[in-house]
C-alpha atoms as a PDB file:
ATOM      1  CA  MET A   1     -11.850  18.649 -19.693  1.00  0.00           C
ATOM      2  CA  ASN A   2      -8.143  18.217 -20.372  1.00  0.00           C
ATOM      3  CA  LYS A   3      -6.159  15.002 -20.675  1.00  0.00           C
ATOM      4  CA  THR A   4      -5.056  15.016 -17.024  1.00  0.00           C
ATOM      5  CA  ASP A   5      -8.644  15.359 -15.829  1.00  0.00           C
ATOM      6  CA  LYS A   6      -9.766  12.360 -17.893  1.00  0.00           C
ATOM      7  CA  ARG A   7      -6.984  10.215 -16.468  1.00  0.00           C
ATOM      8  CA  ALA A   8      -7.881  11.327 -12.929  1.00  0.00           C
ATOM      9  CA  ASP A   9     -11.586  10.668 -13.594  1.00  0.00           C
ATOM     10  CA  ILE A  10     -10.802   7.175 -14.878  1.00  0.00           C
ATOM     11  CA  MET A  11      -8.666   6.450 -11.812  1.00  0.00           C
ATOM     12  CA  ASP A  12     -11.310   7.776  -9.378  1.00  0.00           C
ATOM     13  CA  VAL A  13     -14.064   5.715 -10.979  1.00  0.00           C
ATOM     14  CA  ALA A  14     -11.870   2.598 -11.110  1.00  0.00           C
ATOM     15  CA  LEU A  15     -10.947   2.994  -7.446  1.00  0.00           C
ATOM     16  CA  ASN A  16     -14.587   3.278  -6.384  1.00  0.00           C
ATOM     17  CA  LEU A  17     -15.796   0.427  -8.588  1.00  0.00           C
ATOM     18  CA  ILE A  18     -13.007  -1.908  -7.508  1.00  0.00           C
ATOM     19  CA  ALA A  19     -13.561  -1.037  -3.838  1.00  0.00           C
ATOM     20  CA  GLU A  20     -17.284  -1.783  -4.205  1.00  0.00           C
ATOM     21  CA  ARG A  21     -17.262  -4.677  -6.669  1.00  0.00           C
ATOM     22  CA  GLY A  22     -13.761  -6.150  -6.719  1.00  0.00           C
ATOM     23  CA  PHE A  23     -11.241  -6.473  -9.544  1.00  0.00           C
ATOM     24  CA  HIS A  24     -13.127  -9.041 -11.592  1.00  0.00           C
ATOM     25  CA  ASP A  25     -16.510  -7.344 -11.433  1.00  0.00           C
ATOM     26  CA  SER A  26     -15.148  -3.966 -12.592  1.00  0.00           C
ATOM     27  CA  PRO A  27     -14.640  -4.290 -16.362  1.00  0.00           C
ATOM     28  CA  MET A  28     -12.827  -1.587 -18.299  1.00  0.00           C
ATOM     29  CA  ALA A  29     -15.982  -0.842 -20.310  1.00  0.00           C
ATOM     30  CA  LEU A  30     -17.911  -0.046 -17.112  1.00  0.00           C
ATOM     31  CA  ILE A  31     -15.044   2.067 -15.776  1.00  0.00           C
ATOM     32  CA  ALA A  32     -14.948   4.031 -19.057  1.00  0.00           C
ATOM     33  CA  LYS A  33     -18.733   4.466 -19.104  1.00  0.00           C
ATOM     34  CA  GLN A  34     -18.897   5.753 -15.516  1.00  0.00           C
ATOM     35  CA  ALA A  35     -15.874   8.021 -16.120  1.00  0.00           C
ATOM     36  CA  GLY A  36     -17.720   9.544 -19.076  1.00  0.00           C
ATOM     37  CA  VAL A  37     -15.158   8.515 -21.690  1.00  0.00           C
ATOM     38  CA  ALA A  38     -15.385   6.246 -24.707  1.00  0.00           C
ATOM     39  CA  ALA A  39     -14.351   2.625 -24.149  1.00  0.00           C
ATOM     40  CA  GLY A  40     -11.269   3.067 -26.351  1.00  0.00           C
ATOM     41  CA  THR A  41     -10.214   6.297 -24.625  1.00  0.00           C
ATOM     42  CA  ILE A  42      -9.330   4.474 -21.426  1.00  0.00           C
ATOM     43  CA  TYR A  43      -6.592   2.626 -23.349  1.00  0.00           C
ATOM     44  CA  LEU A  44      -4.905   5.926 -24.245  1.00  0.00           C
ATOM     45  CA  TYR A  45      -4.052   6.247 -20.564  1.00  0.00           C
ATOM     46  CA  PHE A  46      -3.676   2.598 -19.514  1.00  0.00           C
ATOM     47  CA  GLU A  47      -2.595  -0.260 -21.780  1.00  0.00           C
ATOM     48  CA  SER A  48      -4.548  -2.788 -19.737  1.00  0.00           C
ATOM     49  CA  LYS A  49      -6.637  -3.238 -16.640  1.00  0.00           C
ATOM     50  CA  ASP A  50      -3.542  -4.572 -14.863  1.00  0.00           C
ATOM     51  CA  GLU A  51      -1.714  -1.336 -15.631  1.00  0.00           C
ATOM     52  CA  LEU A  52      -4.666   0.678 -14.291  1.00  0.00           C
ATOM     53  CA  ILE A  53      -4.753  -1.367 -11.069  1.00  0.00           C
ATOM     54  CA  LEU A  54      -0.997  -0.973 -10.568  1.00  0.00           C
ATOM     55  CA  ALA A  55      -1.247   2.770 -11.245  1.00  0.00           C
ATOM     56  CA  LEU A  56      -4.000   3.051  -8.622  1.00  0.00           C
ATOM     57  CA  HIS A  57      -1.863   1.205  -6.099  1.00  0.00           C
ATOM     58  CA  ARG A  58       1.182   3.386  -6.805  1.00  0.00           C
ATOM     59  CA  ASP A  59      -0.965   6.508  -6.444  1.00  0.00           C
ATOM     60  CA  LEU A  60      -2.441   5.410  -3.105  1.00  0.00           C
ATOM     61  CA  GLU A  61       0.926   4.231  -1.790  1.00  0.00           C
ATOM     62  CA  SER A  62       2.422   7.581  -2.741  1.00  0.00           C
ATOM     63  CA  ARG A  63      -0.387   9.475  -0.975  1.00  0.00           C
ATOM     64  CA  ILE A  64       0.025   7.385   2.165  1.00  0.00           C
ATOM     65  CA  ASN A  65       3.806   7.782   2.196  1.00  0.00           C
ATOM     66  CA  GLU A  66       3.476  11.556   1.707  1.00  0.00           C
ATOM     67  CA  MET A  67       1.025  11.757   4.586  1.00  0.00           C
ATOM     68  CA  ILE A  68       3.334   9.716   6.831  1.00  0.00           C
ATOM     69  CA  LEU A  69       6.458  11.689   5.990  1.00  0.00           C
ATOM     70  CA  LYS A  70       4.768  15.056   6.522  1.00  0.00           C
ATOM     71  CA  GLU A  71       5.350  15.091  10.293  1.00  0.00           C
ATOM     72  CA  TYR A  72       7.402  11.919  10.719  1.00  0.00           C
ATOM     73  CA  PRO A  73       9.156  11.935  14.124  1.00  0.00           C
ATOM     74  CA  ALA A  74      12.574  10.857  12.802  1.00  0.00           C
ATOM     75  CA  GLU A  75      14.356  11.771  16.029  1.00  0.00           C
ATOM     76  CA  GLU A  76      11.920   9.973  18.340  1.00  0.00           C
ATOM     77  CA  SER A  77      12.198   6.478  19.814  1.00  0.00           C
ATOM     78  CA  ILE A  78      11.323   3.315  17.880  1.00  0.00           C
ATOM     79  CA  ARG A  79       8.146   3.062  19.949  1.00  0.00           C
ATOM     80  CA  GLU A  80       7.070   6.605  19.080  1.00  0.00           C
ATOM     81  CA  LYS A  81       7.811   6.066  15.379  1.00  0.00           C
ATOM     82  CA  PHE A  82       5.821   2.833  15.414  1.00  0.00           C
ATOM     83  CA  LEU A  83       2.848   4.422  17.177  1.00  0.00           C
ATOM     84  CA  TYR A  84       2.973   7.444  14.863  1.00  0.00           C
ATOM     85  CA  MET A  85       2.906   5.188  11.786  1.00  0.00           C
ATOM     86  CA  ASN A  86      -0.011   3.167  13.068  1.00  0.00           C
ATOM     87  CA  ARG A  87      -2.019   6.227  14.106  1.00  0.00           C
ATOM     88  CA  LYS A  88      -1.458   7.954  10.751  1.00  0.00           C
ATOM     89  CA  VAL A  89      -2.285   4.893   8.649  1.00  0.00           C
ATOM     90  CA  LEU A  90      -5.367   4.076  10.728  1.00  0.00           C
ATOM     91  CA  LYS A  91      -6.609   7.675  10.533  1.00  0.00           C
ATOM     92  CA  TYR A  92      -5.981   7.805   6.774  1.00  0.00           C
ATOM     93  CA  PHE A  93      -7.957   4.626   6.117  1.00  0.00           C
ATOM     94  CA  MET A  94     -10.786   5.680   8.433  1.00  0.00           C
ATOM     95  CA  GLU A  95     -11.063   8.926   6.458  1.00  0.00           C
ATOM     96  CA  ASN A  96     -10.711   7.084   3.120  1.00  0.00           C
ATOM     97  CA  PRO A  97     -12.559   3.764   3.438  1.00  0.00           C
ATOM     98  CA  PHE A  98     -12.546   3.099  -0.320  1.00  0.00           C
ATOM     99  CA  HIS A  99      -8.766   3.422  -0.316  1.00  0.00           C
ATOM    100  CA  PHE A 100      -8.640   0.828   2.455  1.00  0.00           C
ATOM    101  CA  ARG A 101     -10.946  -1.521   0.569  1.00  0.00           C
ATOM    102  CA  PHE A 102      -8.879  -1.179  -2.603  1.00  0.00           C
ATOM    103  CA  MET A 103      -5.579  -1.756  -0.774  1.00  0.00           C
ATOM    104  CA  GLU A 104      -7.006  -4.721   1.116  1.00  0.00           C
ATOM    105  CA  GLN A 105      -8.065  -6.342  -2.158  1.00  0.00           C
ATOM    106  CA  PHE A 106      -4.737  -5.498  -3.765  1.00  0.00           C
ATOM    107  CA  PHE A 107      -2.652  -7.106  -1.023  1.00  0.00           C
ATOM    108  CA  ASN A 108      -4.866 -10.195  -0.892  1.00  0.00           C
ATOM    109  CA  SER A 109      -4.546 -10.799  -4.634  1.00  0.00           C
ATOM    110  CA  PRO A 110      -1.783 -11.902  -7.020  1.00  0.00           C
ATOM    111  CA  TYR A 111      -0.947  -8.197  -7.437  1.00  0.00           C
ATOM    112  CA  GLY A 112      -0.013  -8.037  -3.766  1.00  0.00           C
ATOM    113  CA  LEU A 113       2.046 -11.212  -3.967  1.00  0.00           C
ATOM    114  CA  SER A 114       4.027  -9.806  -6.874  1.00  0.00           C
ATOM    115  CA  HIS A 115       4.457  -6.526  -5.007  1.00  0.00           C
ATOM    116  CA  ARG A 116       5.792  -8.310  -1.902  1.00  0.00           C
ATOM    117  CA  LYS A 117       8.253 -10.299  -4.011  1.00  0.00           C
ATOM    118  CA  GLU A 118       9.606  -7.087  -5.542  1.00  0.00           C
ATOM    119  CA  ARG A 119      10.051  -5.573  -2.094  1.00  0.00           C
ATOM    120  CA  LEU A 120      11.782  -8.656  -0.719  1.00  0.00           C
ATOM    121  CA  LEU A 121      14.132  -8.802  -3.687  1.00  0.00           C
ATOM    122  CA  GLY A 122      14.940  -5.117  -3.286  1.00  0.00           C
ATOM    123  CA  LYS A 123      13.430  -4.179  -6.646  1.00  0.00           C
ATOM    124  CA  SER A 124      11.122  -1.570  -5.159  1.00  0.00           C
ATOM    125  CA  ASP A 125      12.410   1.940  -4.559  1.00  0.00           C
ATOM    126  CA  LYS A 126       9.408   2.954  -2.488  1.00  0.00           C
ATOM    127  CA  SER A 127       9.623   4.193   1.050  1.00  0.00           C
ATOM    128  CA  LYS A 128      10.299   1.483   3.574  1.00  0.00           C
ATOM    129  CA  ILE A 129       9.770   3.368   6.798  1.00  0.00           C
ATOM    130  CA  MET A 130       8.155   0.504   8.715  1.00  0.00           C
ATOM    131  CA  ILE A 131      10.871  -1.927   7.632  1.00  0.00           C
ATOM    132  CA  ASP A 132      13.467   0.557   8.889  1.00  0.00           C
ATOM    133  CA  ILE A 133      11.643   0.781  12.225  1.00  0.00           C
ATOM    134  CA  PHE A 134      11.736  -3.014  12.582  1.00  0.00           C
ATOM    135  CA  GLU A 135      15.393  -3.201  11.569  1.00  0.00           C
ATOM    136  CA  GLN A 136      16.349  -0.475  14.077  1.00  0.00           C
ATOM    137  CA  GLY A 137      14.301  -2.271  16.723  1.00  0.00           C
ATOM    138  CA  ALA A 138      16.201  -5.492  16.034  1.00  0.00           C
ATOM    139  CA  GLU A 139      19.542  -3.671  16.181  1.00  0.00           C
ATOM    140  CA  GLN A 140      18.583  -2.196  19.561  1.00  0.00           C
ATOM    141  CA  GLN A 141      17.296  -5.611  20.699  1.00  0.00           C
ATOM    142  CA  ILE A 142      13.805  -4.226  21.220  1.00  0.00           C
ATOM    143  CA  LEU A 143      12.540  -6.575  18.501  1.00  0.00           C
ATOM    144  CA  LYS A 144      13.786 -10.000  17.498  1.00  0.00           C
ATOM    145  CA  LYS A 145      14.755 -10.605  13.890  1.00  0.00           C
ATOM    146  CA  LEU A 146      13.100 -13.698  12.427  1.00  0.00           C
ATOM    147  CA  PRO A 147      14.070 -15.817   9.420  1.00  0.00           C
ATOM    148  CA  ALA A 148      12.809 -14.586   6.034  1.00  0.00           C
ATOM    149  CA  LEU A 149      10.325 -17.490   5.916  1.00  0.00           C
ATOM    150  CA  HIS A 150       8.016 -15.636   8.312  1.00  0.00           C
ATOM    151  CA  GLN A 151       7.398 -12.682   6.017  1.00  0.00           C
ATOM    152  CA  THR A 152       3.814 -11.502   5.659  1.00  0.00           C
ATOM    153  CA  PRO A 153       2.106  -8.315   4.441  1.00  0.00           C
ATOM    154  CA  ALA A 154       0.965  -5.748   6.966  1.00  0.00           C
ATOM    155  CA  HIS A 155      -0.037  -2.089   7.008  1.00  0.00           C
ATOM    156  CA  HIS A 156      -1.026  -2.380   3.347  1.00  0.00           C
ATOM    157  CA  GLY A 157       2.356  -1.969   1.784  1.00  0.00           C
ATOM    158  CA  GLN A 158       4.176  -0.255   4.582  1.00  0.00           C
ATOM    159  CA  THR A 159       5.912  -3.452   5.649  1.00  0.00           C
ATOM    160  CA  GLN A 160       6.354  -6.472   3.466  1.00  0.00           C
ATOM    161  CA  ASP A 161       9.368  -7.629   5.473  1.00  0.00           C
ATOM    162  CA  HIS A 162       7.801  -8.876   8.687  1.00  0.00           C
ATOM    163  CA  ARG A 163      10.729 -10.791  10.228  1.00  0.00           C
ATOM    164  CA  PHE A 164      10.462  -9.177  13.623  1.00  0.00           C
ATOM    165  CA  LEU A 165       8.630  -9.813  16.864  1.00  0.00           C
ATOM    166  CA  PRO A 166       8.202  -7.568  19.879  1.00  0.00           C
ATOM    167  CA  ARG A 167      10.212  -8.626  22.924  1.00  0.00           C
ATOM    168  CA  TYR A 168       7.085  -9.886  24.758  1.00  0.00           C
ATOM    169  CA  ALA A 169       6.440 -12.357  21.926  1.00  0.00           C
ATOM    170  CA  ARG A 170       9.856 -13.993  22.202  1.00  0.00           C
ATOM    171  CA  ARG A 171      10.276 -17.352  23.857  1.00  0.00           C
ATOM    172  CA  ASP A 172      13.570 -16.409  25.501  1.00  0.00           C
ATOM    173  CA  ARG A 173      12.217 -13.040  26.937  1.00  0.00           C
ATOM    174  CA  ARG A 174      15.616 -11.994  28.289  1.00  0.00           C
END
């Protein structure tokens, strides 16, 4: 087994344990044991459990973004883009339930809060497809732009900037 395989094994085991048991009930020693590496070996790849968790999130986010961009209908309407995104993300999580469970825990933890803050402050260079859809919808007056106070996480990282409402949800409904 080469170095890359050990890192991948550690990440796979950590993902499964965290999805099943949560962050706090998945100690590094157990992750190392189930990955078949010595307890100290895990620290050659990840300085801390926090670093491992963040690496898992980045890996899953990257996989999801790749999957979305593969056949992304860039020239279609806002509605079609929105439906495409939702179908793809839903299908991905149905096919990968442990990924969903990990991401759900991530976004409902302090890790997710920190992640949302980075996105809102523009410190994240990750894909922001869903945010772009909402911004285009607001520009075309299909969606209404809301104040930044109404920001919440949705689509597990695809949109941390949720300042928009569909037209039917507006009070003025013009």
